[in-house]
Each structure stands twice: as C-alpha cells, then as structure tokens.
Amino acid sequence: MPFLRARLARWGLPPLPARKLLDTCALARNKLRLGNFSLERVVSHLGVSTKQGVEPILWQRAALDGDRRATSAIVKHRERDVRLLARVVERRKGSSAAFNGHGSAW
C-alpha cells in the first residue's frame, strides 16, 4: 500500500480511499505458522480450494509481446486469486482480533 500511495502522489492522482486492510500473508504467518505463506500453501492447508499457477510463457507473451489473450488469461487467473483470498479471510477471520463487527480489519 505505501508503494501505491507513493505512486499516486507522484503522478498527481487522488489518494486511495481510507479503508481498513487485512494482510492475509501476515495472518497466515502469525496464526498458522506454515513455514510457507504463499496463497497456494494457505488454501491447500485450509482445504479451501486449490490454486493453479500461470504458465511463465503467458507472462512473457503478455509483457513482451502485448498478447491480449495472454493478458486476459492472467487477469482471469488474478480474479480467481482474489476470490480465493476472500475465502481464506472468511475462513480465518475468527482467529484475528483485528476484525471488528463489520468484518474489516485494522
């Protein structure tokens, strides 16, 4: 978030709205002690789902070639990741004192 805020300020764009955030990696590190805090490891441990990777060639095609199909595949993959994160948060929010009655954290 600090990086994003700094870039928005640098480019003269409006700041992000003030929102409470939850760092799911920190939640996993502090509450689960898995040793590996990747989204793949966390969802596997919690039995939430399975995380699928992105073929490295897709990143190359999207970044270097401007391939719209590759970019679209990466966007869809990231959308699935966000849904997985939401499921992880829903599953683990009871273990974090940072949550308030509205479901927000910190």
C-alpha atoms as a PDB file:
ATOM      1  CA  MET A   1       0.000   0.000   0.000  1.00  0.00           C
ATOM      2  CA  PRO A   2       2.765   2.512   0.720  1.00  0.00           C
ATOM      3  CA  PHE A   3       4.155   1.894  -2.771  1.00  0.00           C
ATOM      4  CA  LEU A   4       0.761   2.511  -4.377  1.00  0.00           C
ATOM      5  CA  ARG A   5       0.185   5.625  -2.285  1.00  0.00           C
ATOM      6  CA  ALA A   6       3.607   6.984  -3.244  1.00  0.00           C
ATOM      7  CA  ARG A   7       2.995   6.391  -6.955  1.00  0.00           C
ATOM      8  CA  LEU A   8      -0.435   8.022  -6.848  1.00  0.00           C
ATOM      9  CA  ALA A   9       1.073  11.054  -5.121  1.00  0.00           C
ATOM     10  CA  ARG A  10       3.943  11.179  -7.630  1.00  0.00           C
ATOM     11  CA  TRP A  11       1.559  11.144 -10.579  1.00  0.00           C
ATOM     12  CA  GLY A  12      -0.775  13.701  -9.023  1.00  0.00           C
ATOM     13  CA  LEU A  13      -3.644  11.238  -8.796  1.00  0.00           C
ATOM     14  CA  PRO A  14      -6.189  11.227  -5.974  1.00  0.00           C
ATOM     15  CA  PRO A  15      -5.268   9.092  -2.960  1.00  0.00           C
ATOM     16  CA  LEU A  16      -6.892   5.763  -2.296  1.00  0.00           C
ATOM     17  CA  PRO A  17      -9.911   5.930  -0.002  1.00  0.00           C
ATOM     18  CA  ALA A  18      -9.165   5.253   3.644  1.00  0.00           C
ATOM     19  CA  ARG A  19     -10.040   1.605   4.192  1.00  0.00           C
ATOM     20  CA  LYS A  20      -9.137  -0.965   6.731  1.00  0.00           C
ATOM     21  CA  LEU A  21      -6.903  -3.689   5.329  1.00  0.00           C
ATOM     22  CA  LEU A  22      -6.063  -7.238   6.247  1.00  0.00           C
ATOM     23  CA  ASP A  23      -2.719  -8.711   5.282  1.00  0.00           C
ATOM     24  CA  THR A  24      -3.560 -12.359   4.683  1.00  0.00           C
ATOM     25  CA  CYS A  25       0.136 -13.246   4.494  1.00  0.00           C
ATOM     26  CA  ALA A  26       0.716 -11.783   7.970  1.00  0.00           C
ATOM     27  CA  LEU A  27      -2.394 -13.550   9.237  1.00  0.00           C
ATOM     28  CA  ALA A  28      -1.045 -16.867   7.919  1.00  0.00           C
ATOM     29  CA  ARG A  29       2.432 -16.198   9.312  1.00  0.00           C
ATOM     30  CA  ASN A  30       1.221 -15.201  12.767  1.00  0.00           C
ATOM     31  CA  LYS A  31      -1.710 -17.552  13.203  1.00  0.00           C
ATOM     32  CA  LEU A  32      -0.900 -20.634  11.136  1.00  0.00           C
ATOM     33  CA  ARG A  33       2.899 -20.936  11.274  1.00  0.00           C
ATOM     34  CA  LEU A  34       3.064 -22.821   7.996  1.00  0.00           C
ATOM     35  CA  GLY A  35       6.639 -22.038   7.033  1.00  0.00           C
ATOM     36  CA  ASN A  36       5.468 -21.078   3.550  1.00  0.00           C
ATOM     37  CA  PHE A  37       2.908 -18.321   3.240  1.00  0.00           C
ATOM     38  CA  SER A  38       2.088 -18.490  -0.452  1.00  0.00           C
ATOM     39  CA  LEU A  39      -1.566 -18.367  -1.358  1.00  0.00           C
ATOM     40  CA  GLU A  40      -1.164 -21.865  -2.790  1.00  0.00           C
ATOM     41  CA  ARG A  41       0.084 -23.213   0.546  1.00  0.00           C
ATOM     42  CA  VAL A  42      -2.548 -21.416   2.640  1.00  0.00           C
ATOM     43  CA  VAL A  43      -5.534 -22.534   0.549  1.00  0.00           C
ATOM     44  CA  SER A  44      -4.174 -26.067   0.468  1.00  0.00           C
ATOM     45  CA  HIS A  45      -3.676 -26.135   4.241  1.00  0.00           C
ATOM     46  CA  LEU A  46      -7.156 -24.769   4.917  1.00  0.00           C
ATOM     47  CA  GLY A  47      -8.760 -27.052   2.356  1.00  0.00           C
ATOM     48  CA  VAL A  48     -10.391 -24.017   0.768  1.00  0.00           C
ATOM     49  CA  SER A  49      -9.508 -24.942  -2.792  1.00  0.00           C
ATOM     50  CA  THR A  50      -6.501 -25.479  -4.974  1.00  0.00           C
ATOM     51  CA  LYS A  51      -4.522 -22.658  -6.508  1.00  0.00           C
ATOM     52  CA  GLN A  52      -3.389 -23.013 -10.054  1.00  0.00           C
ATOM     53  CA  GLY A  53      -0.305 -21.377 -11.457  1.00  0.00           C
ATOM     54  CA  VAL A  54       0.189 -19.301 -14.562  1.00  0.00           C
ATOM     55  CA  GLU A  55       2.441 -20.669 -17.261  1.00  0.00           C
ATOM     56  CA  PRO A  56       5.565 -18.484 -17.489  1.00  0.00           C
ATOM     57  CA  ILE A  57       5.089 -18.212 -21.250  1.00  0.00           C
ATOM     58  CA  LEU A  58       1.817 -16.336 -20.637  1.00  0.00           C
ATOM     59  CA  TRP A  59       3.662 -13.679 -18.635  1.00  0.00           C
ATOM     60  CA  GLN A  60       6.211 -13.388 -21.421  1.00  0.00           C
ATOM     61  CA  ARG A  61       3.589 -13.109 -24.136  1.00  0.00           C
ATOM     62  CA  ALA A  62       1.606 -10.535 -22.173  1.00  0.00           C
ATOM     63  CA  ALA A  63       4.572  -8.417 -21.093  1.00  0.00           C
ATOM     64  CA  LEU A  64       6.839  -8.604 -24.107  1.00  0.00           C
ATOM     65  CA  ASP A  65       4.512  -9.284 -26.992  1.00  0.00           C
ATOM     66  CA  GLY A  66       1.400  -7.422 -25.856  1.00  0.00           C
ATOM     67  CA  ASP A  67      -0.642 -10.582 -26.442  1.00  0.00           C
ATOM     68  CA  ARG A  68      -4.225  -9.762 -25.454  1.00  0.00           C
ATOM     69  CA  ARG A  69      -5.206 -13.414 -24.978  1.00  0.00           C
ATOM     70  CA  ALA A  70      -2.302 -13.958 -22.603  1.00  0.00           C
ATOM     71  CA  THR A  71      -3.186 -10.777 -20.721  1.00  0.00           C
ATOM     72  CA  SER A  72      -6.812 -11.881 -20.484  1.00  0.00           C
ATOM     73  CA  ALA A  73      -5.769 -15.287 -19.124  1.00  0.00           C
ATOM     74  CA  ILE A  74      -3.612 -13.610 -16.470  1.00  0.00           C
ATOM     75  CA  VAL A  75      -6.449 -11.269 -15.481  1.00  0.00           C
ATOM     76  CA  LYS A  76      -8.826 -14.222 -15.101  1.00  0.00           C
ATOM     77  CA  HIS A  77      -6.210 -16.023 -13.016  1.00  0.00           C
ATOM     78  CA  ARG A  78      -5.819 -12.998 -10.719  1.00  0.00           C
ATOM     79  CA  GLU A  79      -9.606 -12.705 -10.362  1.00  0.00           C
ATOM     80  CA  ARG A  80      -9.653 -16.331  -9.146  1.00  0.00           C
ATOM     81  CA  ASP A  81      -6.857 -15.469  -6.710  1.00  0.00           C
ATOM     82  CA  VAL A  82      -8.938 -12.622  -5.271  1.00  0.00           C
ATOM     83  CA  ARG A  83     -11.882 -14.989  -4.772  1.00  0.00           C
ATOM     84  CA  LEU A  84      -9.536 -17.470  -3.063  1.00  0.00           C
ATOM     85  CA  LEU A  85      -8.254 -14.717  -0.774  1.00  0.00           C
ATOM     86  CA  ALA A  86     -11.831 -13.826   0.149  1.00  0.00           C
ATOM     87  CA  ARG A  87     -12.465 -17.456   1.083  1.00  0.00           C
ATOM     88  CA  VAL A  88      -9.285 -17.568   3.175  1.00  0.00           C
ATOM     89  CA  VAL A  89     -10.314 -14.392   5.007  1.00  0.00           C
ATOM     90  CA  GLU A  90     -13.809 -15.716   5.616  1.00  0.00           C
ATOM     91  CA  ARG A  91     -12.360 -18.953   6.979  1.00  0.00           C
ATOM     92  CA  ARG A  92      -9.752 -17.332   9.235  1.00  0.00           C
ATOM     93  CA  LYS A  93     -11.275 -14.038  10.345  1.00  0.00           C
ATOM     94  CA  GLY A  94     -12.358 -15.557  13.653  1.00  0.00           C
ATOM     95  CA  SER A  95      -8.702 -16.098  14.544  1.00  0.00           C
ATOM     96  CA  SER A  96      -7.808 -12.433  14.212  1.00  0.00           C
ATOM     97  CA  ALA A  97      -8.575  -9.829  16.850  1.00  0.00           C
ATOM     98  CA  ALA A  98      -8.077  -7.223  14.125  1.00  0.00           C
ATOM     99  CA  PHE A  99     -11.589  -7.794  12.786  1.00  0.00           C
ATOM    100  CA  ASN A 100     -14.379  -5.590  14.033  1.00  0.00           C
ATOM    101  CA  GLY A 101     -18.108  -6.211  13.896  1.00  0.00           C
ATOM    102  CA  HIS A 102     -18.244  -5.020  10.297  1.00  0.00           C
ATOM    103  CA  GLY A 103     -15.759  -7.608   9.049  1.00  0.00           C
ATOM    104  CA  SER A 104     -12.986  -5.119   8.476  1.00  0.00           C
ATOM    105  CA  ALA A 105      -9.515  -5.347   9.877  1.00  0.00           C
ATOM    106  CA  TRP A 106      -7.025  -2.834  11.286  1.00  0.00           C
END
